[in-house]
Amino acid sequence: MKVESHKVARLHAILWGIFSLGGMIAAFLLPVLIYLTAIAYPFNLWPFNGTRDIGFLITGHRLGALFIFVTIAGSLYHGIFRFQSALTEVGLLRYRRALEAVGYFIIFVGIIVLGYYLATWYLNGTIS
């Protein structure tokens, strides 16, 4: 019994570490993404000739696609993990297992869909 609780505690620590990494990503990289796509491009603050769509500003190369993946996946994990923790603290503690299962399912599906779209862009030649 002691070995099982030690493994659960280690997994819990790893998940909280990923949560904090997602928070750091959301705090530092998400504003950069918003600035580039919602402010810099529309107001011509970025040296871009405008012959392509706005998606090319970030996803025109593999490093940009990696930036998109890390930013969205980290922010998704952080947001869902924080939301399910808040729900258990509000009074839904008896539904904790179900909330965790739904939360991890949303994270898993979101990352798979994001990877699918980035892979599709890469195979279509949008990302070079």
Protein backbone atom coordinates (compact mmCIF):
# COMPACT_ATOMS: atom_id res chain seq x y z
CA MET A 1 0.00 0.00 0.00
CA LYS A 2 2.86 2.35 0.77
CA VAL A 3 4.44 1.85 -2.68
CA GLU A 4 1.16 2.71 -4.41
CA SER A 5 0.72 5.97 -2.50
CA HIS A 6 4.34 6.88 -3.29
CA LYS A 7 3.69 6.40 -7.03
CA VAL A 8 0.50 8.46 -6.83
CA ALA A 9 2.34 11.23 -4.99
CA ARG A 10 5.07 11.23 -7.65
CA LEU A 11 2.51 11.41 -10.46
CA HIS A 12 0.68 14.20 -8.65
CA ALA A 13 3.93 16.17 -8.33
CA ILE A 14 4.70 15.69 -12.04
CA LEU A 15 1.22 16.88 -13.02
CA TRP A 16 1.53 19.97 -10.82
CA GLY A 17 4.93 20.64 -12.41
CA ILE A 18 3.39 20.49 -15.87
CA PHE A 19 0.61 22.76 -14.59
CA SER A 20 3.12 25.38 -13.48
CA LEU A 21 5.00 25.09 -16.77
CA GLY A 22 1.72 25.63 -18.62
CA GLY A 23 1.08 28.70 -16.49
CA MET A 24 4.48 30.12 -17.36
CA ILE A 25 3.86 29.42 -21.05
CA ALA A 26 0.44 31.05 -20.87
CA ALA A 27 1.89 34.08 -19.10
CA PHE A 28 4.84 34.65 -21.44
CA LEU A 29 4.05 33.19 -24.86
CA LEU A 30 0.30 33.75 -25.21
CA PRO A 31 0.63 37.57 -25.09
CA VAL A 32 3.30 37.35 -27.81
CA LEU A 33 0.96 35.29 -29.97
CA ILE A 34 -1.90 37.72 -29.40
CA TYR A 35 0.35 40.69 -30.16
CA LEU A 36 1.61 39.21 -33.43
CA THR A 37 -1.74 38.07 -34.79
CA ALA A 38 -4.16 40.66 -33.38
CA ILE A 39 -2.13 43.86 -33.08
CA ALA A 40 1.12 43.80 -35.08
CA TYR A 41 -0.27 42.46 -38.35
CA PRO A 42 -3.50 44.49 -38.60
CA PHE A 43 -1.78 47.78 -37.69
CA ASN A 44 1.29 47.17 -39.90
CA LEU A 45 3.66 47.14 -36.93
CA TRP A 46 5.40 44.01 -38.21
CA PRO A 47 7.48 44.07 -41.41
CA PHE A 48 5.23 41.87 -43.49
CA ASN A 49 4.24 42.52 -47.10
CA GLY A 50 0.72 41.14 -46.69
CA THR A 51 0.71 38.89 -49.76
CA ARG A 52 -0.18 35.87 -47.62
CA ASP A 53 -2.75 35.32 -44.93
CA ILE A 54 -2.18 36.16 -41.28
CA GLY A 55 -1.51 32.52 -40.39
CA PHE A 56 1.74 32.64 -42.33
CA LEU A 57 3.08 35.23 -39.91
CA ILE A 58 3.47 32.55 -37.25
CA THR A 59 3.16 29.20 -39.01
CA GLY A 60 5.31 29.96 -42.03
CA HIS A 61 8.06 27.68 -40.72
CA ARG A 62 8.52 24.76 -38.34
CA LEU A 63 9.73 26.88 -35.43
CA GLY A 64 6.53 28.94 -35.63
CA ALA A 65 4.45 25.76 -35.67
CA LEU A 66 6.32 24.54 -32.59
CA PHE A 67 5.62 27.93 -30.96
CA ILE A 68 1.89 27.54 -31.71
CA PHE A 69 1.83 23.98 -30.39
CA VAL A 70 3.66 24.76 -27.15
CA THR A 71 1.64 27.91 -26.51
CA ILE A 72 -1.80 26.40 -27.10
CA ALA A 73 -1.10 22.99 -25.53
CA GLY A 74 0.50 24.54 -22.43
CA SER A 75 -2.27 27.07 -22.02
CA LEU A 76 -4.93 24.38 -22.52
CA TYR A 77 -3.40 22.12 -19.90
CA HIS A 78 -2.97 24.96 -17.43
CA GLY A 79 -6.51 26.26 -17.94
CA ILE A 80 -8.27 22.91 -17.66
CA PHE A 81 -6.19 21.84 -14.66
CA ARG A 82 -6.90 25.13 -12.88
CA PHE A 83 -10.61 24.90 -13.72
CA GLN A 84 -10.97 21.38 -12.36
CA SER A 85 -9.05 22.33 -9.21
CA ALA A 86 -11.35 25.32 -8.72
CA LEU A 87 -14.44 23.14 -9.17
CA THR A 88 -13.28 20.71 -6.49
CA GLU A 89 -12.59 23.59 -4.10
CA VAL A 90 -16.02 25.12 -4.72
CA GLY A 91 -17.76 22.05 -3.36
CA LEU A 92 -17.69 19.36 -6.00
CA LEU A 93 -15.09 17.29 -4.18
CA ARG A 94 -17.13 14.09 -4.42
CA TYR A 95 -17.04 14.41 -8.23
CA ARG A 96 -13.27 14.86 -8.26
CA ARG A 97 -12.51 11.65 -10.17
CA ALA A 98 -15.09 12.43 -12.83
CA LEU A 99 -13.88 16.02 -13.18
CA GLU A 100 -10.29 14.82 -13.54
CA ALA A 101 -11.29 12.26 -16.15
CA VAL A 102 -13.25 14.82 -18.17
CA GLY A 103 -10.47 17.40 -17.82
CA TYR A 104 -7.74 15.04 -18.98
CA PHE A 105 -9.94 13.87 -21.83
CA ILE A 106 -10.42 17.48 -23.00
CA ILE A 107 -6.67 18.10 -22.75
CA PHE A 108 -5.87 14.91 -24.67
CA VAL A 109 -8.40 15.58 -27.43
CA GLY A 110 -7.34 19.24 -27.69
CA ILE A 111 -3.67 18.36 -28.11
CA ILE A 112 -4.47 15.63 -30.65
CA VAL A 113 -6.66 18.03 -32.70
CA LEU A 114 -4.00 20.75 -32.52
CA GLY A 115 -1.33 18.29 -33.67
CA TYR A 116 -3.61 17.12 -36.48
CA TYR A 117 -4.13 20.67 -37.78
CA LEU A 118 -0.45 21.52 -37.58
CA ALA A 119 0.46 18.26 -39.36
CA THR A 120 -2.16 19.01 -42.04
CA TRP A 121 -0.69 22.48 -42.56
CA TYR A 122 2.77 20.96 -42.83
CA LEU A 123 1.67 18.34 -45.38
CA ASN A 124 -0.21 20.95 -47.45
CA GLY A 125 2.90 23.11 -47.63
CA THR A 126 1.63 25.96 -45.44
CA ILE A 127 4.50 25.27 -43.04
CA SER A 128 7.80 24.97 -44.85
